[in-house]
Amino acid sequence: MADSNDRREHQKRELECLRLASDLRQFAKETLDPGLKEYCLLLAKQWSDQADEMARNEPGDGEDLGQ
């Protein structure tokens, strides 16, 4: 049971990262300030990378493959 809860929480955090990245890309699209646009896109990439890293390290993934 704890494993399924851990996996669910992990997936929630991953989804939150993706939502934040999406929001930041939308802000970047809407702003007229080039500096703010660049900063929003930088942050969006960081959150998107974080979600990718979480997806690669999802609890239980490596256990079935003997990793």
C-alpha atoms as a PDB file:
ATOM      1  CA  MET A   1       0.000   0.000   0.000  1.00  0.00           C
ATOM      2  CA  ALA A   2       2.801   2.397   0.865  1.00  0.00           C
ATOM      3  CA  ASP A   3       4.404   1.758  -2.523  1.00  0.00           C
ATOM      4  CA  SER A   4       1.247   2.730  -4.397  1.00  0.00           C
ATOM      5  CA  ASN A   5       0.907   5.860  -2.232  1.00  0.00           C
ATOM      6  CA  ASP A   6       4.556   6.751  -2.875  1.00  0.00           C
ATOM      7  CA  ARG A   7       4.077   6.295  -6.595  1.00  0.00           C
ATOM      8  CA  ARG A   8       0.890   8.391  -6.567  1.00  0.00           C
ATOM      9  CA  GLU A   9       2.619  11.215  -4.667  1.00  0.00           C
ATOM     10  CA  HIS A  10       5.583  11.037  -7.016  1.00  0.00           C
ATOM     11  CA  GLN A  11       3.262  11.327 -10.023  1.00  0.00           C
ATOM     12  CA  LYS A  12       1.457  14.279  -8.430  1.00  0.00           C
ATOM     13  CA  ARG A  13       4.747  16.128  -7.943  1.00  0.00           C
ATOM     14  CA  GLU A  14       5.770  15.350 -11.512  1.00  0.00           C
ATOM     15  CA  LEU A  15       2.457  16.710 -12.797  1.00  0.00           C
ATOM     16  CA  GLU A  16       2.838  19.854 -10.660  1.00  0.00           C
ATOM     17  CA  CYS A  17       6.244  20.467 -12.261  1.00  0.00           C
ATOM     18  CA  LEU A  18       4.745  20.114 -15.738  1.00  0.00           C
ATOM     19  CA  ARG A  19       1.863  22.450 -14.907  1.00  0.00           C
ATOM     20  CA  LEU A  20       4.245  25.060 -13.540  1.00  0.00           C
ATOM     21  CA  ALA A  21       6.430  24.800 -16.655  1.00  0.00           C
ATOM     22  CA  SER A  22       3.339  25.232 -18.815  1.00  0.00           C
ATOM     23  CA  ASP A  23       2.185  28.288 -16.853  1.00  0.00           C
ATOM     24  CA  LEU A  24       5.628  29.859 -17.152  1.00  0.00           C
ATOM     25  CA  ARG A  25       5.661  29.284 -20.925  1.00  0.00           C
ATOM     26  CA  GLN A  26       2.263  30.966 -21.133  1.00  0.00           C
ATOM     27  CA  PHE A  27       3.540  33.953 -19.112  1.00  0.00           C
ATOM     28  CA  ALA A  28       6.545  34.182 -21.425  1.00  0.00           C
ATOM     29  CA  LYS A  29       4.244  34.174 -24.433  1.00  0.00           C
ATOM     30  CA  GLU A  30       2.064  36.953 -23.030  1.00  0.00           C
ATOM     31  CA  THR A  31       4.698  39.321 -21.643  1.00  0.00           C
ATOM     32  CA  LEU A  32       6.147  42.198 -23.629  1.00  0.00           C
ATOM     33  CA  ASP A  33       9.262  42.417 -21.436  1.00  0.00           C
ATOM     34  CA  PRO A  34      12.126  40.524 -23.141  1.00  0.00           C
ATOM     35  CA  GLY A  35      13.979  40.008 -19.848  1.00  0.00           C
ATOM     36  CA  LEU A  36      10.911  38.587 -18.144  1.00  0.00           C
ATOM     37  CA  LYS A  37      10.208  36.381 -21.167  1.00  0.00           C
ATOM     38  CA  GLU A  38      13.735  34.970 -21.050  1.00  0.00           C
ATOM     39  CA  TYR A  39      13.526  34.380 -17.301  1.00  0.00           C
ATOM     40  CA  CYS A  40      10.128  32.640 -17.554  1.00  0.00           C
ATOM     41  CA  LEU A  41      11.433  30.364 -20.298  1.00  0.00           C
ATOM     42  CA  LEU A  42      14.518  29.539 -18.233  1.00  0.00           C
ATOM     43  CA  LEU A  43      12.368  28.622 -15.234  1.00  0.00           C
ATOM     44  CA  ALA A  44       9.992  26.627 -17.453  1.00  0.00           C
ATOM     45  CA  LYS A  45      12.927  24.587 -18.743  1.00  0.00           C
ATOM     46  CA  GLN A  46      14.150  23.936 -15.215  1.00  0.00           C
ATOM     47  CA  TRP A  47      10.721  22.690 -14.085  1.00  0.00           C
ATOM     48  CA  SER A  48      10.311  20.631 -17.238  1.00  0.00           C
ATOM     49  CA  ASP A  49      13.740  19.072 -16.681  1.00  0.00           C
ATOM     50  CA  GLN A  50      12.757  18.343 -13.076  1.00  0.00           C
ATOM     51  CA  ALA A  51       9.637  16.524 -14.282  1.00  0.00           C
ATOM     52  CA  ASP A  52      11.732  14.525 -16.768  1.00  0.00           C
ATOM     53  CA  GLU A  53      14.155  13.564 -14.005  1.00  0.00           C
ATOM     54  CA  MET A  54      11.283  12.497 -11.779  1.00  0.00           C
ATOM     55  CA  ALA A  55       9.820  10.392 -14.590  1.00  0.00           C
ATOM     56  CA  ARG A  56      13.157   8.609 -15.017  1.00  0.00           C
ATOM     57  CA  ASN A  57      13.383   7.939 -11.281  1.00  0.00           C
ATOM     58  CA  GLU A  58       9.808   6.970 -10.570  1.00  0.00           C
ATOM     59  CA  PRO A  59       9.570   4.675  -7.528  1.00  0.00           C
ATOM     60  CA  GLY A  60       9.431   1.027  -8.495  1.00  0.00           C
ATOM     61  CA  ASP A  61      10.628   1.439 -12.083  1.00  0.00           C
ATOM     62  CA  GLY A  62      14.120   0.050 -11.625  1.00  0.00           C
ATOM     63  CA  GLU A  63      13.090  -2.699  -9.247  1.00  0.00           C
ATOM     64  CA  ASP A  64      11.384  -4.813 -11.910  1.00  0.00           C
ATOM     65  CA  LEU A  65      14.386  -4.468 -14.235  1.00  0.00           C
ATOM     66  CA  GLY A  66      16.933  -5.473 -11.636  1.00  0.00           C
ATOM     67  CA  GLN A  67      18.576  -2.029 -11.633  1.00  0.00           C
END
